[in-house]
């Protein structure tokens, strides 16, 4: 999945996408990937809303934010959500959120394919900073 392909799909007329089940499935996969939700590729009444939402901000959300962390693509999770509304996904992994996630359980480092070499020091510093508050 890449941003360029999403742009190509969204440039097609909705009627053309709806006429081709493979294109519908592909666009629905983008929807699931970007928004981290379950979606139904065979639910014809939902496809229009998936398309419209992707048109509004799908391409922007597909743009990866700069980060020192990246989730592994083979973990079977689209998004890790937290009670405060923050999350970690394939396209968005803010350093501070990832450090908090690792601080709670350092073994979670196995979920990341990219991370700073000094991540242990960073979570220890993060613990000290929070203790001083």
N, C-alpha and C. Protein backbone atom coordinates (compact mmCIF):
# COMPACT_ATOMS: atom_id res chain seq x y z
N UNK A 1 0.85 -1.19 0.00
CA UNK A 1 0.00 0.00 0.00
C UNK A 1 0.88 1.23 0.00
N UNK A 2 0.57 2.13 -0.90
CA UNK A 2 1.34 3.36 -0.92
C UNK A 2 0.44 4.54 -1.29
N UNK A 3 0.95 5.70 -1.00
CA UNK A 3 0.19 6.93 -1.21
C UNK A 3 -0.16 7.14 -2.69
N UNK A 4 0.77 6.86 -3.57
CA UNK A 4 0.55 7.07 -5.00
C UNK A 4 -0.62 6.24 -5.52
N UNK A 5 -0.68 4.98 -5.08
CA UNK A 5 -1.78 4.12 -5.52
C UNK A 5 -3.12 4.63 -4.98
N UNK A 6 -3.13 5.10 -3.75
CA UNK A 6 -4.37 5.66 -3.19
C UNK A 6 -4.82 6.87 -4.00
N UNK A 7 -3.89 7.72 -4.39
CA UNK A 7 -4.22 8.88 -5.22
C UNK A 7 -4.84 8.42 -6.54
N UNK A 8 -4.25 7.37 -7.15
CA UNK A 8 -4.79 6.83 -8.41
C UNK A 8 -6.23 6.34 -8.21
N UNK A 9 -6.45 5.58 -7.15
CA UNK A 9 -7.79 5.05 -6.90
C UNK A 9 -8.81 6.16 -6.68
N UNK A 10 -8.43 7.17 -5.90
CA UNK A 10 -9.36 8.24 -5.59
C UNK A 10 -9.60 9.18 -6.77
N UNK A 11 -8.74 9.11 -7.78
CA UNK A 11 -8.95 9.94 -8.96
C UNK A 11 -9.95 9.29 -9.93
N UNK A 12 -10.26 8.02 -9.70
CA UNK A 12 -11.24 7.32 -10.54
C UNK A 12 -12.65 7.74 -10.12
N UNK A 13 -13.55 7.76 -11.07
CA UNK A 13 -14.94 8.06 -10.72
C UNK A 13 -15.50 6.97 -9.79
N UNK A 14 -16.33 7.36 -8.86
CA UNK A 14 -16.92 6.43 -7.91
C UNK A 14 -17.67 5.31 -8.64
N UNK A 15 -18.34 5.64 -9.72
CA UNK A 15 -19.09 4.63 -10.47
C UNK A 15 -18.16 3.55 -11.03
N UNK A 16 -16.97 3.95 -11.46
CA UNK A 16 -15.99 3.00 -11.99
C UNK A 16 -15.49 2.08 -10.87
N UNK A 17 -15.24 2.64 -9.71
CA UNK A 17 -14.78 1.84 -8.57
C UNK A 17 -15.85 0.84 -8.14
N UNK A 18 -17.09 1.30 -8.11
CA UNK A 18 -18.19 0.44 -7.67
C UNK A 18 -18.47 -0.69 -8.66
N UNK A 19 -18.11 -0.50 -9.91
CA UNK A 19 -18.35 -1.51 -10.94
C UNK A 19 -17.32 -2.64 -10.91
N UNK A 20 -16.21 -2.43 -10.22
CA UNK A 20 -15.13 -3.42 -10.21
C UNK A 20 -14.91 -3.90 -8.77
N UNK A 21 -15.24 -5.16 -8.49
CA UNK A 21 -15.13 -5.67 -7.11
C UNK A 21 -13.68 -5.67 -6.61
N UNK A 22 -12.71 -5.89 -7.50
CA UNK A 22 -11.31 -5.86 -7.08
C UNK A 22 -10.89 -4.47 -6.63
N UNK A 23 -11.35 -3.44 -7.36
CA UNK A 23 -11.04 -2.07 -6.96
C UNK A 23 -11.73 -1.72 -5.65
N UNK A 24 -12.96 -2.20 -5.49
CA UNK A 24 -13.68 -1.96 -4.23
C UNK A 24 -12.93 -2.58 -3.06
N UNK A 25 -12.48 -3.81 -3.23
CA UNK A 25 -11.73 -4.49 -2.17
C UNK A 25 -10.43 -3.75 -1.87
N UNK A 26 -9.75 -3.30 -2.90
CA UNK A 26 -8.49 -2.59 -2.70
C UNK A 26 -8.70 -1.29 -1.94
N UNK A 27 -9.71 -0.53 -2.33
CA UNK A 27 -9.97 0.74 -1.65
C UNK A 27 -10.43 0.49 -0.20
N UNK A 28 -11.20 -0.56 0.01
CA UNK A 28 -11.63 -0.90 1.37
C UNK A 28 -10.43 -1.28 2.23
N UNK A 29 -9.45 -1.97 1.66
CA UNK A 29 -8.22 -2.30 2.40
C UNK A 29 -7.47 -1.02 2.81
N UNK A 30 -7.42 -0.04 1.93
CA UNK A 30 -6.82 1.25 2.28
C UNK A 30 -7.58 1.88 3.45
N UNK A 31 -8.89 1.83 3.38
CA UNK A 31 -9.72 2.41 4.44
C UNK A 31 -9.40 1.74 5.78
N UNK A 32 -9.34 0.41 5.80
CA UNK A 32 -9.03 -0.31 7.04
C UNK A 32 -7.64 0.05 7.54
N UNK A 33 -6.69 0.11 6.63
CA UNK A 33 -5.30 0.39 6.98
C UNK A 33 -5.15 1.80 7.56
N UNK A 34 -5.74 2.78 6.90
CA UNK A 34 -5.56 4.19 7.30
C UNK A 34 -6.30 4.51 8.58
N UNK A 35 -7.53 4.02 8.73
CA UNK A 35 -8.34 4.38 9.89
C UNK A 35 -8.29 3.35 11.01
N UNK A 36 -7.65 2.21 10.76
CA UNK A 36 -7.48 1.21 11.81
C UNK A 36 -8.79 0.62 12.29
N UNK A 37 -9.73 0.44 11.38
CA UNK A 37 -11.04 -0.10 11.74
C UNK A 37 -11.38 -1.29 10.85
N UNK A 38 -12.37 -2.04 11.27
CA UNK A 38 -12.88 -3.12 10.42
C UNK A 38 -13.78 -2.49 9.38
N UNK A 39 -13.76 -3.04 8.19
CA UNK A 39 -14.61 -2.53 7.11
C UNK A 39 -15.07 -3.71 6.28
N UNK A 40 -16.18 -3.54 5.62
CA UNK A 40 -16.80 -4.61 4.83
C UNK A 40 -16.70 -4.28 3.34
N UNK A 41 -15.92 -5.06 2.60
CA UNK A 41 -15.77 -4.78 1.18
C UNK A 41 -16.98 -5.22 0.36
N UNK A 42 -17.81 -6.09 0.92
CA UNK A 42 -18.99 -6.54 0.18
C UNK A 42 -20.26 -5.77 0.57
N UNK A 43 -20.16 -4.86 1.51
CA UNK A 43 -21.32 -4.06 1.93
C UNK A 43 -21.44 -2.86 1.01
N UNK A 44 -22.29 -2.98 0.01
CA UNK A 44 -22.41 -1.93 -1.01
C UNK A 44 -22.90 -0.61 -0.43
N UNK A 45 -23.70 -0.66 0.61
CA UNK A 45 -24.22 0.58 1.18
C UNK A 45 -23.17 1.35 1.99
N UNK A 46 -22.04 0.72 2.33
CA UNK A 46 -21.00 1.40 3.10
C UNK A 46 -19.86 1.92 2.22
N UNK A 47 -19.73 1.37 1.03
CA UNK A 47 -18.59 1.72 0.18
C UNK A 47 -18.54 3.22 -0.13
N UNK A 48 -19.69 3.84 -0.39
CA UNK A 48 -19.71 5.28 -0.70
C UNK A 48 -19.13 6.10 0.45
N UNK A 49 -19.46 5.73 1.69
CA UNK A 49 -18.94 6.49 2.84
C UNK A 49 -17.44 6.26 3.01
N UNK A 50 -16.97 5.04 2.73
CA UNK A 50 -15.52 4.78 2.79
C UNK A 50 -14.80 5.67 1.79
N UNK A 51 -15.34 5.69 0.57
CA UNK A 51 -14.75 6.50 -0.50
C UNK A 51 -14.71 7.98 -0.11
N UNK A 52 -15.84 8.49 0.38
CA UNK A 52 -15.92 9.92 0.73
C UNK A 52 -14.94 10.28 1.85
N UNK A 53 -14.84 9.42 2.85
CA UNK A 53 -13.91 9.70 3.95
C UNK A 53 -12.47 9.68 3.47
N UNK A 54 -12.13 8.75 2.59
CA UNK A 54 -10.78 8.71 2.04
C UNK A 54 -10.49 9.95 1.20
N UNK A 55 -11.47 10.42 0.46
CA UNK A 55 -11.30 11.64 -0.34
C UNK A 55 -11.00 12.82 0.57
N UNK A 56 -11.70 12.90 1.70
CA UNK A 56 -11.54 14.04 2.62
C UNK A 56 -10.15 14.08 3.24
N UNK A 57 -9.68 12.97 3.83
CA UNK A 57 -8.38 13.05 4.50
C UNK A 57 -7.53 11.77 4.42
N UNK A 58 -7.91 10.85 3.55
CA UNK A 58 -7.15 9.60 3.44
C UNK A 58 -5.73 9.79 2.96
N UNK A 59 -5.55 10.63 1.96
CA UNK A 59 -4.20 10.86 1.41
C UNK A 59 -3.32 11.53 2.47
N UNK A 60 -3.88 12.50 3.16
CA UNK A 60 -3.13 13.19 4.23
C UNK A 60 -2.74 12.21 5.33
N UNK A 61 -3.65 11.34 5.71
CA UNK A 61 -3.36 10.36 6.76
C UNK A 61 -2.38 9.30 6.28
N UNK A 62 -2.33 9.06 4.98
CA UNK A 62 -1.41 8.07 4.41
C UNK A 62 0.03 8.57 4.48
N UNK A 63 0.20 9.87 4.61
CA UNK A 63 1.53 10.45 4.70
C UNK A 63 2.11 10.13 6.07
N UNK A 64 3.23 9.46 6.07
CA UNK A 64 3.85 9.08 7.33
C UNK A 64 4.43 10.29 8.04
N UNK A 65 4.22 10.33 9.35
CA UNK A 65 4.81 11.40 10.14
C UNK A 65 6.23 10.98 10.53
N UNK A 66 7.16 11.93 10.53
CA UNK A 66 8.53 11.58 10.90
C UNK A 66 8.59 11.02 12.32
N UNK A 67 9.27 9.92 12.48
CA UNK A 67 9.36 9.28 13.78
C UNK A 67 10.60 8.41 13.83
N UNK A 68 11.06 8.16 15.03
CA UNK A 68 12.18 7.25 15.23
C UNK A 68 11.69 5.81 15.40
N UNK A 69 10.37 5.63 15.39
CA UNK A 69 9.77 4.32 15.59
C UNK A 69 8.92 3.93 14.38
N UNK A 70 8.84 2.62 14.14
CA UNK A 70 7.94 2.10 13.11
C UNK A 70 7.49 0.71 13.53
N UNK A 71 6.18 0.51 13.56
CA UNK A 71 5.63 -0.80 13.88
C UNK A 71 6.00 -1.81 12.80
N UNK A 72 6.20 -3.04 13.21
CA UNK A 72 6.41 -4.12 12.24
C UNK A 72 5.13 -4.32 11.45
N UNK A 73 5.27 -4.63 10.20
CA UNK A 73 4.08 -4.81 9.35
C UNK A 73 3.46 -6.19 9.50
N UNK A 74 4.16 -7.13 10.13
CA UNK A 74 3.66 -8.50 10.21
C UNK A 74 3.08 -8.87 11.58
N UNK A 75 2.71 -7.87 12.38
CA UNK A 75 2.20 -8.19 13.72
C UNK A 75 0.69 -8.41 13.75
N UNK A 76 0.02 -8.17 12.64
CA UNK A 76 -1.42 -8.42 12.59
C UNK A 76 -2.26 -7.37 13.28
N UNK A 77 -1.68 -6.21 13.52
CA UNK A 77 -2.40 -5.12 14.18
C UNK A 77 -2.32 -3.89 13.30
N UNK A 78 -3.46 -3.27 13.04
CA UNK A 78 -3.46 -2.05 12.24
C UNK A 78 -3.14 -0.83 13.08
N UNK A 79 -3.60 -0.90 14.35
CA UNK A 79 -3.48 0.29 15.19
C UNK A 79 -3.55 -0.12 16.65
N UNK A 80 -2.70 0.49 17.47
CA UNK A 80 -2.74 0.28 18.91
C UNK A 80 -3.29 1.57 19.52
N UNK A 81 -4.49 1.48 20.08
CA UNK A 81 -5.16 2.67 20.61
C UNK A 81 -5.05 2.73 22.13
N UNK A 82 -5.06 3.95 22.65
CA UNK A 82 -4.96 4.18 24.08
C UNK A 82 -6.18 4.95 24.56
N UNK A 83 -6.44 4.89 25.86
CA UNK A 83 -7.62 5.55 26.44
C UNK A 83 -7.67 7.05 26.17
N UNK A 84 -6.51 7.68 26.07
CA UNK A 84 -6.47 9.14 25.89
C UNK A 84 -6.67 9.57 24.44
N UNK A 85 -7.00 8.62 23.56
CA UNK A 85 -7.26 8.94 22.16
C UNK A 85 -6.03 8.87 21.27
N UNK A 86 -4.85 8.75 21.86
CA UNK A 86 -3.63 8.62 21.07
C UNK A 86 -3.51 7.19 20.55
N UNK A 87 -2.70 7.01 19.52
CA UNK A 87 -2.52 5.68 18.96
C UNK A 87 -1.18 5.58 18.24
N UNK A 88 -0.81 4.33 17.98
CA UNK A 88 0.37 4.01 17.18
C UNK A 88 -0.12 3.18 16.01
N UNK A 89 0.30 3.53 14.80
CA UNK A 89 -0.09 2.76 13.62
C UNK A 89 1.11 2.66 12.68
N UNK A 90 0.91 2.02 11.55
CA UNK A 90 1.97 1.91 10.55
C UNK A 90 2.38 3.28 10.02
N UNK A 91 1.45 4.21 9.95
CA UNK A 91 1.75 5.52 9.37
C UNK A 91 1.98 6.59 10.43
N UNK A 92 1.65 6.30 11.66
CA UNK A 92 1.80 7.30 12.72
C UNK A 92 2.31 6.63 13.99
N UNK A 93 3.52 6.98 14.38
CA UNK A 93 4.13 6.43 15.58
C UNK A 93 4.93 7.52 16.28
N UNK A 94 4.23 8.48 16.92
CA UNK A 94 4.94 9.58 17.60
C UNK A 94 5.90 9.05 18.66
N UNK A 95 7.06 9.63 18.71
CA UNK A 95 8.09 9.17 19.64
C UNK A 95 7.60 9.11 21.08
N UNK A 96 6.95 10.17 21.55
CA UNK A 96 6.50 10.22 22.95
C UNK A 96 5.50 9.11 23.26
N UNK A 97 4.59 8.86 22.34
CA UNK A 97 3.59 7.82 22.55
C UNK A 97 4.27 6.45 22.60
N UNK A 98 5.20 6.22 21.69
CA UNK A 98 5.92 4.94 21.66
C UNK A 98 6.75 4.74 22.93
N UNK A 99 7.37 5.78 23.41
CA UNK A 99 8.16 5.67 24.63
C UNK A 99 7.28 5.34 25.83
N UNK A 100 6.12 5.95 25.92
CA UNK A 100 5.18 5.63 27.00
C UNK A 100 4.73 4.18 26.90
N UNK A 101 4.46 3.74 25.70
CA UNK A 101 4.04 2.36 25.44
C UNK A 101 5.13 1.39 25.89
N UNK A 102 6.38 1.71 25.59
CA UNK A 102 7.50 0.85 25.97
C UNK A 102 7.81 0.94 27.46
N UNK A 103 7.60 2.10 28.03
CA UNK A 103 7.85 2.28 29.47
C UNK A 103 6.96 1.32 30.27
N UNK A 104 5.72 1.13 29.83
CA UNK A 104 4.79 0.24 30.52
C UNK A 104 5.24 -1.22 30.41
N UNK A 105 5.88 -1.58 29.31
CA UNK A 105 6.35 -2.95 29.11
C UNK A 105 7.46 -2.95 28.05
N UNK A 106 8.72 -2.93 28.48
CA UNK A 106 9.84 -2.89 27.52
C UNK A 106 9.88 -4.06 26.54
N UNK A 107 9.25 -5.18 26.86
CA UNK A 107 9.23 -6.32 25.93
C UNK A 107 8.48 -5.99 24.65
N UNK A 108 7.70 -4.94 24.67
CA UNK A 108 6.94 -4.53 23.48
C UNK A 108 7.85 -4.03 22.35
N UNK A 109 9.11 -3.87 22.63
CA UNK A 109 10.05 -3.42 21.60
C UNK A 109 10.02 -4.39 20.41
N UNK A 110 9.64 -5.64 20.67
CA UNK A 110 9.57 -6.63 19.60
C UNK A 110 8.49 -6.30 18.57
N UNK A 111 7.59 -5.39 18.89
CA UNK A 111 6.54 -4.99 17.95
C UNK A 111 7.03 -3.97 16.93
N UNK A 112 8.24 -3.44 17.13
CA UNK A 112 8.77 -2.40 16.27
C UNK A 112 9.87 -2.94 15.36
N UNK A 113 9.86 -2.50 14.12
CA UNK A 113 10.95 -2.84 13.20
C UNK A 113 12.00 -1.74 13.18
N UNK A 114 11.61 -0.55 13.59
CA UNK A 114 12.55 0.58 13.64
C UNK A 114 12.38 1.26 14.99
N UNK A 115 13.51 1.54 15.64
CA UNK A 115 13.50 2.24 16.92
C UNK A 115 14.91 2.76 17.20
N UNK A 116 15.02 3.78 18.05
CA UNK A 116 16.36 4.33 18.34
C UNK A 116 17.21 3.31 19.11
N UNK A 117 18.49 3.33 18.85
CA UNK A 117 19.39 2.42 19.56
C UNK A 117 19.33 2.63 21.07
N UNK A 118 19.12 3.87 21.48
CA UNK A 118 19.13 4.21 22.91
C UNK A 118 17.73 4.23 23.52
N UNK A 119 16.82 3.43 23.00
CA UNK A 119 15.43 3.47 23.47
C UNK A 119 15.30 3.18 24.96
N UNK A 120 16.15 2.29 25.50
CA UNK A 120 16.09 1.99 26.94
C UNK A 120 16.44 3.23 27.77
N UNK A 121 17.45 3.95 27.33
CA UNK A 121 17.84 5.19 28.03
C UNK A 121 16.70 6.20 27.95
N UNK A 122 16.08 6.29 26.79
CA UNK A 122 14.98 7.24 26.60
C UNK A 122 13.79 6.93 27.51
N UNK A 123 13.44 5.66 27.67
CA UNK A 123 12.31 5.36 28.55
C UNK A 123 12.70 5.56 30.01
N UNK A 124 13.97 5.34 30.36
CA UNK A 124 14.41 5.59 31.73
C UNK A 124 14.38 7.09 32.02
N UNK A 125 14.82 7.89 31.06
CA UNK A 125 14.76 9.35 31.22
C UNK A 125 13.33 9.82 31.32
N UNK A 126 12.45 9.21 30.57
CA UNK A 126 11.04 9.55 30.58
C UNK A 126 10.44 9.25 31.95
N UNK A 127 10.85 8.14 32.57
CA UNK A 127 10.38 7.78 33.92
C UNK A 127 10.84 8.83 34.92
N UNK A 128 12.12 9.23 34.85
CA UNK A 128 12.66 10.23 35.78
C UNK A 128 11.96 11.57 35.64
N UNK A 129 11.69 11.98 34.40
CA UNK A 129 10.99 13.25 34.16
C UNK A 129 9.60 13.22 34.78
N UNK A 130 8.90 12.10 34.63
CA UNK A 130 7.54 11.99 35.17
C UNK A 130 7.57 11.95 36.70
N UNK A 131 8.61 11.39 37.29
CA UNK A 131 8.73 11.35 38.76
C UNK A 131 8.96 12.74 39.33
N UNK A 132 9.61 13.60 38.54
CA UNK A 132 9.91 14.96 39.01
C UNK A 132 8.70 15.89 38.90
N UNK A 133 7.67 15.49 38.21
CA UNK A 133 6.51 16.37 38.03
C UNK A 133 5.62 16.39 39.23
